[in-house]
């Protein structure tokens, strides 16, 4: 799932910046793959809980897998939302030239966060998982930067682009937050304690 949602946010960012309708449509249509993987995980978990009634560490693993799957599925949805903004504004780009580099950086940070979260899941590396919250600070900084640009007195792009940028910024910020939650679930899985 981490690979699928990483690809989705990467392609959605490109579609948004390049006003690439075909790429945006592919992000939207391929979200079914993420949903199908999550549905398989969910079904397996429910069957496992009903048949084997896991307890202690096994129950923690099952619950954590369900939480991670939910966050990753939501990340796929957020990538779709970015692609839908690209589709809505086609043939134009929804992002004014002055903010393109900020959106590009947000997309890159989102990709890095989900890649690192996936690595944490695979390796169960608590130290790396704990770093993700700090890594997310860069996304929060860029999110605030978008608002400063939109609210600046010299904003000249109008209401519609301001709304698009507000929405897109929120989608990237939430995507990053879900990656952090996946990492926090790794910490819980390994240690049995939630990070503070």
N, C-alpha and C. Protein backbone atom coordinates (compact mmCIF):
# COMPACT_ATOMS: atom_id res chain seq x y z
N UNK A 1 0.82 -1.20 0.00
CA UNK A 1 0.00 0.00 0.00
C UNK A 1 0.87 1.26 0.00
N UNK A 2 1.98 1.23 0.74
CA UNK A 2 2.82 2.43 0.77
C UNK A 2 3.36 2.75 -0.62
N UNK A 3 3.73 1.72 -1.37
CA UNK A 3 4.22 1.98 -2.74
C UNK A 3 3.12 2.55 -3.63
N UNK A 4 1.91 2.02 -3.49
CA UNK A 4 0.79 2.51 -4.30
C UNK A 4 0.47 3.97 -3.99
N UNK A 5 0.42 4.33 -2.70
CA UNK A 5 0.05 5.70 -2.37
C UNK A 5 1.20 6.67 -2.63
N UNK A 6 2.43 6.17 -2.60
CA UNK A 6 3.57 7.02 -2.98
C UNK A 6 3.49 7.35 -4.47
N UNK A 7 3.23 6.34 -5.28
CA UNK A 7 3.08 6.55 -6.72
C UNK A 7 1.91 7.50 -7.00
N UNK A 8 0.82 7.34 -6.26
CA UNK A 8 -0.35 8.18 -6.48
C UNK A 8 -0.06 9.64 -6.20
N UNK A 9 0.61 9.94 -5.10
CA UNK A 9 0.88 11.36 -4.78
C UNK A 9 1.91 11.93 -5.74
N UNK A 10 2.85 11.12 -6.17
CA UNK A 10 3.85 11.59 -7.15
C UNK A 10 3.17 11.95 -8.47
N UNK A 11 2.32 11.06 -8.96
CA UNK A 11 1.64 11.31 -10.23
C UNK A 11 0.63 12.45 -10.11
N UNK A 12 -0.03 12.55 -8.95
CA UNK A 12 -1.00 13.63 -8.74
C UNK A 12 -0.29 14.99 -8.74
N UNK A 13 0.88 15.05 -8.13
CA UNK A 13 1.65 16.30 -8.11
C UNK A 13 2.05 16.71 -9.52
N UNK A 14 2.53 15.75 -10.29
CA UNK A 14 2.90 16.04 -11.67
C UNK A 14 1.69 16.49 -12.48
N UNK A 15 0.57 15.80 -12.31
CA UNK A 15 -0.65 16.17 -13.02
C UNK A 15 -1.09 17.58 -12.66
N UNK A 16 -0.97 17.92 -11.39
CA UNK A 16 -1.37 19.25 -10.92
C UNK A 16 -0.48 20.34 -11.51
N UNK A 17 0.81 20.13 -11.47
CA UNK A 17 1.75 21.15 -11.94
C UNK A 17 1.80 21.26 -13.45
N UNK A 18 1.62 20.13 -14.14
CA UNK A 18 1.72 20.12 -15.61
C UNK A 18 0.37 20.19 -16.31
N UNK A 19 -0.72 20.30 -15.54
CA UNK A 19 -2.07 20.29 -16.10
C UNK A 19 -2.25 19.08 -17.02
N UNK A 20 -1.81 17.93 -16.54
CA UNK A 20 -1.84 16.68 -17.32
C UNK A 20 -3.13 15.92 -16.99
N UNK A 21 -4.11 16.06 -17.84
CA UNK A 21 -5.42 15.45 -17.61
C UNK A 21 -5.35 13.93 -17.60
N UNK A 22 -4.61 13.35 -18.53
CA UNK A 22 -4.51 11.90 -18.61
C UNK A 22 -3.88 11.33 -17.34
N UNK A 23 -2.86 11.97 -16.84
CA UNK A 23 -2.21 11.51 -15.61
C UNK A 23 -3.14 11.66 -14.41
N UNK A 24 -3.88 12.77 -14.36
CA UNK A 24 -4.84 12.97 -13.28
C UNK A 24 -5.90 11.87 -13.30
N UNK A 25 -6.40 11.55 -14.48
CA UNK A 25 -7.41 10.49 -14.61
C UNK A 25 -6.85 9.13 -14.17
N UNK A 26 -5.56 8.90 -14.45
CA UNK A 26 -4.98 7.61 -14.05
C UNK A 26 -4.86 7.51 -12.54
N UNK A 27 -4.56 8.62 -11.87
CA UNK A 27 -4.50 8.62 -10.40
C UNK A 27 -5.88 8.29 -9.85
N UNK A 28 -6.88 8.91 -10.41
CA UNK A 28 -8.26 8.72 -9.93
C UNK A 28 -8.71 7.27 -10.15
N UNK A 29 -8.46 6.75 -11.34
CA UNK A 29 -8.93 5.39 -11.64
C UNK A 29 -8.14 4.32 -10.90
N UNK A 30 -6.85 4.56 -10.67
CA UNK A 30 -6.02 3.54 -10.00
C UNK A 30 -6.21 3.53 -8.49
N UNK A 31 -7.00 4.43 -7.95
CA UNK A 31 -7.27 4.40 -6.52
C UNK A 31 -8.00 3.13 -6.12
N UNK A 32 -8.67 2.52 -7.07
CA UNK A 32 -9.35 1.24 -6.80
C UNK A 32 -8.36 0.17 -6.36
N UNK A 33 -7.10 0.24 -6.85
CA UNK A 33 -6.09 -0.73 -6.43
C UNK A 33 -5.81 -0.60 -4.93
N UNK A 34 -5.67 0.63 -4.46
CA UNK A 34 -5.43 0.87 -3.03
C UNK A 34 -6.63 0.38 -2.23
N UNK A 35 -7.82 0.73 -2.70
CA UNK A 35 -9.03 0.31 -2.00
C UNK A 35 -9.15 -1.21 -1.94
N UNK A 36 -8.77 -1.89 -3.01
CA UNK A 36 -8.86 -3.35 -3.05
C UNK A 36 -7.88 -3.99 -2.08
N UNK A 37 -6.66 -3.45 -2.01
CA UNK A 37 -5.68 -3.99 -1.07
C UNK A 37 -6.19 -3.79 0.36
N UNK A 38 -6.72 -2.61 0.64
CA UNK A 38 -7.25 -2.37 1.99
C UNK A 38 -8.42 -3.29 2.29
N UNK A 39 -9.29 -3.51 1.33
CA UNK A 39 -10.43 -4.40 1.54
C UNK A 39 -9.96 -5.82 1.85
N UNK A 40 -8.90 -6.26 1.17
CA UNK A 40 -8.34 -7.59 1.45
C UNK A 40 -7.78 -7.66 2.87
N UNK A 41 -7.07 -6.62 3.27
CA UNK A 41 -6.50 -6.57 4.63
C UNK A 41 -7.63 -6.60 5.65
N UNK A 42 -8.62 -5.77 5.42
CA UNK A 42 -9.75 -5.68 6.35
C UNK A 42 -10.48 -7.02 6.48
N UNK A 43 -10.72 -7.67 5.36
CA UNK A 43 -11.40 -8.97 5.37
C UNK A 43 -10.57 -10.01 6.12
N UNK A 44 -9.27 -10.03 5.84
CA UNK A 44 -8.38 -10.98 6.53
C UNK A 44 -8.38 -10.75 8.04
N UNK A 45 -8.34 -9.50 8.43
CA UNK A 45 -8.32 -9.17 9.85
C UNK A 45 -9.61 -9.59 10.53
N UNK A 46 -10.74 -9.30 9.91
CA UNK A 46 -12.02 -9.67 10.52
C UNK A 46 -12.16 -11.19 10.63
N UNK A 47 -11.72 -11.90 9.59
CA UNK A 47 -11.77 -13.36 9.64
C UNK A 47 -10.85 -13.90 10.74
N UNK A 48 -9.66 -13.34 10.82
CA UNK A 48 -8.70 -13.76 11.85
C UNK A 48 -9.25 -13.52 13.25
N UNK A 49 -9.85 -12.37 13.46
CA UNK A 49 -10.40 -12.04 14.78
C UNK A 49 -11.57 -12.97 15.13
N UNK A 50 -12.38 -13.28 14.16
CA UNK A 50 -13.53 -14.14 14.42
C UNK A 50 -13.13 -15.59 14.67
N UNK A 51 -12.13 -16.06 13.95
CA UNK A 51 -11.76 -17.47 14.04
C UNK A 51 -10.74 -17.76 15.13
N UNK A 52 -9.80 -16.84 15.34
CA UNK A 52 -8.70 -17.16 16.24
C UNK A 52 -8.69 -16.33 17.52
N UNK A 53 -9.47 -15.29 17.58
CA UNK A 53 -9.56 -14.44 18.76
C UNK A 53 -8.17 -14.10 19.34
N UNK A 54 -7.37 -13.37 18.58
CA UNK A 54 -6.01 -13.08 19.03
C UNK A 54 -6.02 -12.24 20.31
N UNK A 55 -4.99 -12.41 21.11
CA UNK A 55 -4.82 -11.63 22.34
C UNK A 55 -3.38 -11.13 22.41
N UNK A 56 -3.15 -10.23 23.35
CA UNK A 56 -1.82 -9.69 23.66
C UNK A 56 -1.12 -9.17 22.39
N UNK A 57 0.08 -9.63 22.13
CA UNK A 57 0.90 -9.13 21.02
C UNK A 57 0.21 -9.37 19.68
N UNK A 58 -0.42 -10.51 19.53
CA UNK A 58 -1.11 -10.81 18.26
C UNK A 58 -2.26 -9.84 18.01
N UNK A 59 -3.01 -9.53 19.06
CA UNK A 59 -4.11 -8.58 18.92
C UNK A 59 -3.57 -7.19 18.57
N UNK A 60 -2.48 -6.82 19.22
CA UNK A 60 -1.85 -5.52 18.92
C UNK A 60 -1.43 -5.46 17.46
N UNK A 61 -0.89 -6.54 16.93
CA UNK A 61 -0.47 -6.56 15.53
C UNK A 61 -1.67 -6.42 14.60
N UNK A 62 -2.75 -7.12 14.91
CA UNK A 62 -3.95 -7.08 14.06
C UNK A 62 -4.57 -5.68 14.07
N UNK A 63 -4.71 -5.12 15.25
CA UNK A 63 -5.30 -3.78 15.36
C UNK A 63 -4.42 -2.74 14.66
N UNK A 64 -3.12 -2.86 14.85
CA UNK A 64 -2.19 -1.92 14.22
C UNK A 64 -2.24 -2.03 12.70
N UNK A 65 -2.31 -3.24 12.19
CA UNK A 65 -2.41 -3.42 10.74
C UNK A 65 -3.67 -2.76 10.19
N UNK A 66 -4.77 -2.88 10.91
CA UNK A 66 -6.01 -2.26 10.48
C UNK A 66 -5.89 -0.73 10.48
N UNK A 67 -5.29 -0.20 11.54
CA UNK A 67 -5.10 1.26 11.61
C UNK A 67 -4.19 1.77 10.48
N UNK A 68 -3.09 1.06 10.25
CA UNK A 68 -2.18 1.46 9.17
C UNK A 68 -2.88 1.41 7.82
N UNK A 69 -3.61 0.33 7.59
CA UNK A 69 -4.33 0.21 6.32
C UNK A 69 -5.32 1.34 6.12
N UNK A 70 -5.99 1.73 7.20
CA UNK A 70 -6.95 2.84 7.12
C UNK A 70 -6.24 4.14 6.76
N UNK A 71 -5.11 4.41 7.40
CA UNK A 71 -4.36 5.63 7.09
C UNK A 71 -3.84 5.62 5.65
N UNK A 72 -3.33 4.49 5.22
CA UNK A 72 -2.80 4.42 3.85
C UNK A 72 -3.92 4.55 2.81
N UNK A 73 -5.07 3.96 3.10
CA UNK A 73 -6.21 4.11 2.19
C UNK A 73 -6.61 5.58 2.08
N UNK A 74 -6.60 6.26 3.20
CA UNK A 74 -6.94 7.69 3.20
C UNK A 74 -5.90 8.50 2.44
N UNK A 75 -4.63 8.12 2.53
CA UNK A 75 -3.59 8.81 1.77
C UNK A 75 -3.85 8.68 0.27
N UNK A 76 -4.30 7.50 -0.15
CA UNK A 76 -4.66 7.32 -1.55
C UNK A 76 -5.79 8.25 -1.96
N UNK A 77 -6.78 8.40 -1.06
CA UNK A 77 -7.90 9.32 -1.33
C UNK A 77 -7.42 10.76 -1.46
N UNK A 78 -6.46 11.15 -0.63
CA UNK A 78 -5.95 12.52 -0.68
C UNK A 78 -5.20 12.77 -1.98
N UNK A 79 -4.48 11.78 -2.47
CA UNK A 79 -3.82 11.91 -3.77
C UNK A 79 -4.87 12.08 -4.88
N UNK A 80 -5.97 11.36 -4.75
CA UNK A 80 -7.07 11.51 -5.72
C UNK A 80 -7.64 12.92 -5.67
N UNK A 81 -7.78 13.49 -4.48
CA UNK A 81 -8.29 14.86 -4.37
C UNK A 81 -7.37 15.85 -5.09
N UNK A 82 -6.06 15.66 -4.96
CA UNK A 82 -5.11 16.52 -5.68
C UNK A 82 -5.31 16.36 -7.18
N UNK A 83 -5.45 15.12 -7.64
CA UNK A 83 -5.65 14.86 -9.07
C UNK A 83 -6.96 15.47 -9.57
N UNK A 84 -7.98 15.47 -8.72
CA UNK A 84 -9.26 16.05 -9.13
C UNK A 84 -9.17 17.57 -9.29
N UNK A 85 -8.35 18.22 -8.49
CA UNK A 85 -8.13 19.66 -8.68
C UNK A 85 -7.45 19.89 -10.02
N UNK A 86 -6.48 19.04 -10.35
CA UNK A 86 -5.81 19.15 -11.66
C UNK A 86 -6.81 18.97 -12.79
N UNK A 87 -7.69 17.98 -12.64
CA UNK A 87 -8.70 17.71 -13.67
C UNK A 87 -9.68 18.86 -13.80
N UNK A 88 -10.08 19.43 -12.67
CA UNK A 88 -11.05 20.52 -12.66
C UNK A 88 -10.54 21.75 -13.41
N UNK A 89 -9.26 22.04 -13.29
CA UNK A 89 -8.69 23.25 -13.90
C UNK A 89 -8.10 23.03 -15.28
N UNK A 90 -8.07 21.80 -15.75
CA UNK A 90 -7.53 21.51 -17.09
C UNK A 90 -8.27 22.32 -18.14
N UNK A 91 -7.67 22.92 -19.10
CA UNK A 91 -6.29 22.75 -19.56
C UNK A 91 -5.28 23.66 -18.85
N UNK A 92 -5.73 24.46 -17.91
CA UNK A 92 -4.81 25.33 -17.17
C UNK A 92 -4.27 24.59 -15.95
N UNK A 93 -3.20 25.12 -15.42
CA UNK A 93 -2.69 24.60 -14.16
C UNK A 93 -3.39 25.35 -13.02
N UNK A 94 -3.74 24.63 -11.98
CA UNK A 94 -4.41 25.25 -10.83
C UNK A 94 -3.43 26.04 -9.97
N UNK A 95 -2.15 25.89 -10.23
CA UNK A 95 -1.12 26.50 -9.39
C UNK A 95 -0.44 27.65 -10.14
N UNK A 96 -0.52 28.87 -9.60
CA UNK A 96 0.18 29.99 -10.22
C UNK A 96 1.69 29.76 -10.22
N UNK A 97 2.39 30.29 -11.21
CA UNK A 97 3.84 30.05 -11.33
C UNK A 97 4.63 30.34 -10.04
N UNK A 98 4.26 31.36 -9.30
CA UNK A 98 5.01 31.73 -8.10
C UNK A 98 4.95 30.66 -7.01
N UNK A 99 3.94 29.80 -7.05
CA UNK A 99 3.78 28.78 -6.00
C UNK A 99 4.12 27.37 -6.47
N UNK A 100 4.52 27.24 -7.71
CA UNK A 100 4.82 25.91 -8.25
C UNK A 100 5.94 25.20 -7.47
N UNK A 101 6.98 25.93 -7.12
CA UNK A 101 8.09 25.30 -6.41
C UNK A 101 7.66 24.84 -5.01
N UNK A 102 6.78 25.58 -4.38
CA UNK A 102 6.29 25.19 -3.05
C UNK A 102 5.46 23.91 -3.16
N UNK A 103 4.59 23.83 -4.14
CA UNK A 103 3.77 22.62 -4.32
C UNK A 103 4.66 21.43 -4.70
N UNK A 104 5.64 21.67 -5.55
CA UNK A 104 6.57 20.61 -5.92
C UNK A 104 7.28 20.07 -4.67
N UNK A 105 7.73 20.97 -3.82
CA UNK A 105 8.41 20.56 -2.59
C UNK A 105 7.46 19.80 -1.66
N UNK A 106 6.21 20.24 -1.58
CA UNK A 106 5.24 19.52 -0.76
C UNK A 106 5.04 18.10 -1.28
N UNK A 107 4.97 17.96 -2.59
CA UNK A 107 4.84 16.63 -3.19
C UNK A 107 6.05 15.76 -2.88
N UNK A 108 7.23 16.34 -2.96
CA UNK A 108 8.44 15.58 -2.67
C UNK A 108 8.50 15.16 -1.20
N UNK A 109 8.12 16.05 -0.31
CA UNK A 109 8.10 15.71 1.12
C UNK A 109 7.08 14.60 1.38
N UNK A 110 5.92 14.69 0.75
CA UNK A 110 4.91 13.65 0.91
C UNK A 110 5.46 12.29 0.47
N UNK A 111 6.14 12.26 -0.67
CA UNK A 111 6.74 11.02 -1.15
C UNK A 111 7.78 10.48 -0.18
N UNK A 112 8.63 11.37 0.33
CA UNK A 112 9.67 10.95 1.26
C UNK A 112 9.08 10.41 2.55
N UNK A 113 8.03 11.06 3.04
CA UNK A 113 7.41 10.61 4.28
C UNK A 113 6.79 9.22 4.14
N UNK A 114 6.08 8.99 3.05
CA UNK A 114 5.45 7.67 2.89
C UNK A 114 6.50 6.60 2.61
N UNK A 115 7.57 6.96 1.93
CA UNK A 115 8.66 6.01 1.70
C UNK A 115 9.29 5.61 3.03
N UNK A 116 9.55 6.60 3.86
CA UNK A 116 10.16 6.33 5.16
C UNK A 116 9.20 5.55 6.05
N UNK A 117 7.92 5.88 6.01
CA UNK A 117 6.93 5.14 6.80
C UNK A 117 6.88 3.68 6.35
N UNK A 118 6.92 3.44 5.05
CA UNK A 118 6.92 2.08 4.53
C UNK A 118 8.15 1.31 4.97
N UNK A 119 9.28 1.98 4.97
CA UNK A 119 10.51 1.36 5.44
C UNK A 119 10.42 1.01 6.93
N UNK A 120 9.82 1.90 7.70
CA UNK A 120 9.62 1.64 9.14
C UNK A 120 8.71 0.44 9.37
N UNK A 121 7.67 0.32 8.56
CA UNK A 121 6.77 -0.82 8.68
C UNK A 121 7.53 -2.11 8.39
N UNK A 122 8.30 -2.10 7.31
CA UNK A 122 9.01 -3.31 6.90
C UNK A 122 10.09 -3.71 7.90
N UNK A 123 10.79 -2.72 8.46
CA UNK A 123 11.92 -3.02 9.34
C UNK A 123 11.58 -2.97 10.83
N UNK A 124 10.41 -2.38 11.13
CA UNK A 124 10.01 -2.16 12.53
C UNK A 124 11.05 -1.32 13.27
N UNK A 125 11.57 -0.35 12.58
CA UNK A 125 12.61 0.54 13.12
C UNK A 125 11.95 1.67 13.91
N UNK A 126 11.97 1.57 15.22
CA UNK A 126 11.32 2.54 16.09
C UNK A 126 11.99 3.90 16.00
N UNK A 127 13.33 3.93 15.97
CA UNK A 127 14.04 5.22 15.92
C UNK A 127 13.68 6.00 14.66
N UNK A 128 13.66 5.31 13.54
CA UNK A 128 13.29 5.96 12.27
C UNK A 128 11.84 6.41 12.30
N UNK A 129 10.98 5.58 12.88
CA UNK A 129 9.56 5.93 12.99
C UNK A 129 9.37 7.19 13.83
N UNK A 130 10.15 7.31 14.89
CA UNK A 130 10.04 8.49 15.76
C UNK A 130 10.48 9.77 15.05
N UNK A 131 11.32 9.65 14.04
CA UNK A 131 11.81 10.82 13.30
C UNK A 131 10.76 11.42 12.38
N UNK A 132 9.77 10.63 12.01
CA UNK A 132 8.80 11.10 11.02
C UNK A 132 8.04 12.34 11.47
N UNK A 133 7.76 12.45 12.75
CA UNK A 133 7.04 13.62 13.22
C UNK A 133 7.87 14.89 12.99
N UNK A 134 9.17 14.80 13.20
CA UNK A 134 10.03 15.95 12.92
C UNK A 134 10.13 16.21 11.42
N UNK A 135 10.18 15.12 10.64
CA UNK A 135 10.23 15.26 9.18
C UNK A 135 8.98 15.98 8.67
N UNK A 136 7.86 15.76 9.34
CA UNK A 136 6.59 16.38 8.96
C UNK A 136 6.59 17.89 9.18
N UNK A 137 7.49 18.39 10.01
CA UNK A 137 7.55 19.83 10.27
C UNK A 137 7.79 20.63 9.00
N UNK A 138 8.54 20.07 8.06
CA UNK A 138 8.79 20.76 6.79
C UNK A 138 7.49 20.94 6.01
N UNK A 139 6.62 19.94 6.04
CA UNK A 139 5.33 20.04 5.36
C UNK A 139 4.48 21.12 6.02
N UNK A 140 4.46 21.14 7.34
CA UNK A 140 3.67 22.15 8.06
C UNK A 140 4.17 23.56 7.74
N UNK A 141 5.49 23.70 7.62
CA UNK A 141 6.08 25.01 7.29
C UNK A 141 5.62 25.46 5.90
N UNK A 142 5.64 24.55 4.94
CA UNK A 142 5.20 24.90 3.58
C UNK A 142 3.71 25.18 3.53
N UNK A 143 2.94 24.48 4.32
CA UNK A 143 1.50 24.72 4.39
C UNK A 143 1.23 26.15 4.87
N UNK A 144 1.95 26.56 5.90
CA UNK A 144 1.81 27.94 6.40
C UNK A 144 2.27 28.95 5.35
N UNK A 145 3.30 28.60 4.61
CA UNK A 145 3.82 29.49 3.56
C UNK A 145 2.75 29.73 2.48
N UNK A 146 2.01 28.69 2.13
CA UNK A 146 0.93 28.87 1.15
C UNK A 146 -0.08 29.90 1.63
N UNK A 147 -0.46 29.80 2.90
CA UNK A 147 -1.44 30.75 3.44
C UNK A 147 -0.90 32.18 3.42
N UNK A 148 0.36 32.34 3.76
CA UNK A 148 0.96 33.67 3.73
C UNK A 148 0.89 34.26 2.33
N UNK A 149 1.15 33.43 1.32
CA UNK A 149 1.08 33.90 -0.06
C UNK A 149 -0.33 34.29 -0.46
N UNK A 150 -1.29 33.46 -0.10
CA UNK A 150 -2.68 33.71 -0.46
C UNK A 150 -3.21 34.97 0.22
N UNK A 151 -2.82 35.18 1.47
CA UNK A 151 -3.33 36.31 2.24
C UNK A 151 -2.53 37.60 2.06
N UNK A 152 -1.47 37.53 1.28
CA UNK A 152 -0.64 38.72 1.06
C UNK A 152 -1.41 39.78 0.29
N UNK A 153 -1.12 41.02 0.58
CA UNK A 153 -1.82 42.14 -0.08
C UNK A 153 -1.57 42.16 -1.58
N UNK A 154 -0.44 41.61 -2.01
CA UNK A 154 -0.13 41.63 -3.44
C UNK A 154 -0.62 40.38 -4.18
N UNK A 155 -1.48 39.56 -3.52
CA UNK A 155 -2.06 38.39 -4.20
C UNK A 155 -2.90 38.88 -5.37
N UNK A 156 -2.61 38.40 -6.55
CA UNK A 156 -3.27 38.92 -7.75
C UNK A 156 -3.95 37.84 -8.58
N UNK A 157 -4.08 36.64 -8.02
CA UNK A 157 -4.59 35.53 -8.82
C UNK A 157 -6.08 35.26 -8.63
N UNK A 158 -6.72 35.98 -7.73
CA UNK A 158 -8.16 35.84 -7.55
C UNK A 158 -8.56 34.78 -6.55
N UNK A 159 -9.88 34.63 -6.43
CA UNK A 159 -10.46 33.76 -5.41
C UNK A 159 -10.32 32.28 -5.78
N UNK A 160 -10.62 31.94 -7.03
CA UNK A 160 -10.60 30.53 -7.44
C UNK A 160 -9.25 29.87 -7.21
N UNK A 161 -8.14 30.46 -7.67
CA UNK A 161 -6.83 29.85 -7.37
C UNK A 161 -6.53 29.82 -5.87
N UNK A 162 -6.99 30.81 -5.13
CA UNK A 162 -6.77 30.82 -3.68
C UNK A 162 -7.46 29.62 -3.04
N UNK A 163 -8.67 29.31 -3.49
CA UNK A 163 -9.40 28.16 -2.96
C UNK A 163 -8.70 26.86 -3.35
N UNK A 164 -8.29 26.77 -4.62
CA UNK A 164 -7.58 25.57 -5.08
C UNK A 164 -6.32 25.33 -4.25
N UNK A 165 -5.55 26.38 -4.04
CA UNK A 165 -4.29 26.25 -3.30
C UNK A 165 -4.56 25.91 -1.84
N UNK A 166 -5.59 26.49 -1.26
CA UNK A 166 -5.96 26.16 0.12
C UNK A 166 -6.30 24.67 0.23
N UNK A 167 -7.10 24.17 -0.70
CA UNK A 167 -7.48 22.76 -0.67
C UNK A 167 -6.27 21.85 -0.90
N UNK A 168 -5.50 22.15 -1.92
CA UNK A 168 -4.35 21.31 -2.24
C UNK A 168 -3.35 21.30 -1.08
N UNK A 169 -3.11 22.46 -0.49
CA UNK A 169 -2.21 22.52 0.66
C UNK A 169 -2.70 21.65 1.79
N UNK A 170 -3.99 21.68 2.03
CA UNK A 170 -4.58 20.85 3.09
C UNK A 170 -4.45 19.36 2.76
N UNK A 171 -4.63 19.01 1.48
CA UNK A 171 -4.50 17.60 1.10
C UNK A 171 -3.08 17.09 1.37
N UNK A 172 -2.07 17.87 0.99
CA UNK A 172 -0.69 17.46 1.24
C UNK A 172 -0.39 17.39 2.74
N UNK A 173 -0.89 18.35 3.48
CA UNK A 173 -0.64 18.39 4.91
C UNK A 173 -1.27 17.19 5.61
N UNK A 174 -2.49 16.83 5.22
CA UNK A 174 -3.15 15.67 5.80
C UNK A 174 -2.48 14.36 5.38
N UNK A 175 -2.03 14.31 4.14
CA UNK A 175 -1.30 13.13 3.65
C UNK A 175 -0.09 12.88 4.55
N UNK A 176 0.64 13.94 4.83
CA UNK A 176 1.83 13.82 5.69
C UNK A 176 1.43 13.38 7.10
N UNK A 177 0.35 13.92 7.62
CA UNK A 177 -0.11 13.53 8.95
C UNK A 177 -0.45 12.04 9.02
N UNK A 178 -1.04 11.52 7.96
CA UNK A 178 -1.35 10.09 7.95
C UNK A 178 -0.07 9.25 7.91
N UNK A 179 0.95 9.72 7.19
CA UNK A 179 2.24 9.01 7.18
C UNK A 179 2.83 8.97 8.59
N UNK A 180 2.70 10.07 9.31
CA UNK A 180 3.19 10.13 10.70
C UNK A 180 2.43 9.13 11.56
N UNK A 181 1.13 9.04 11.35
CA UNK A 181 0.33 8.08 12.13
C UNK A 181 0.74 6.65 11.86
N UNK A 182 1.08 6.34 10.61
CA UNK A 182 1.57 5.00 10.29
C UNK A 182 2.84 4.73 11.09
N UNK A 183 3.73 5.70 11.12
CA UNK A 183 4.99 5.55 11.87
C UNK A 183 4.71 5.39 13.37
N UNK A 184 3.76 6.14 13.88
CA UNK A 184 3.40 6.01 15.29
C UNK A 184 2.85 4.62 15.59
N UNK A 185 2.14 4.06 14.63
CA UNK A 185 1.63 2.70 14.81
C UNK A 185 2.76 1.67 14.83
N UNK A 186 3.83 1.94 14.09
CA UNK A 186 5.00 1.06 14.15
C UNK A 186 5.59 1.09 15.56
N UNK A 187 5.69 2.28 16.13
CA UNK A 187 6.21 2.40 17.50
C UNK A 187 5.33 1.61 18.45
N UNK A 188 4.03 1.74 18.33
CA UNK A 188 3.09 1.02 19.19
C UNK A 188 3.22 -0.49 18.99
N UNK A 189 3.33 -0.91 17.74
CA UNK A 189 3.45 -2.33 17.44
C UNK A 189 4.68 -2.94 18.13
N UNK A 190 5.80 -2.23 18.04
CA UNK A 190 7.06 -2.76 18.57
C UNK A 190 7.14 -2.64 20.09
N UNK A 191 6.72 -1.48 20.62
CA UNK A 191 6.94 -1.20 22.05
C UNK A 191 5.72 -1.43 22.92
N UNK A 192 4.53 -1.40 22.32
CA UNK A 192 3.31 -1.52 23.11
C UNK A 192 2.88 -0.19 23.72
N UNK A 193 3.63 0.86 23.44
CA UNK A 193 3.30 2.19 23.98
C UNK A 193 3.14 3.18 22.83
N UNK A 194 2.21 4.10 23.00
CA UNK A 194 2.03 5.16 21.99
C UNK A 194 3.07 6.24 22.20
N UNK A 195 3.67 6.74 21.12
CA UNK A 195 4.64 7.84 21.27
C UNK A 195 3.92 9.09 21.80
N UNK A 196 4.62 9.83 22.64
CA UNK A 196 3.99 11.04 23.20
C UNK A 196 4.29 12.27 22.38
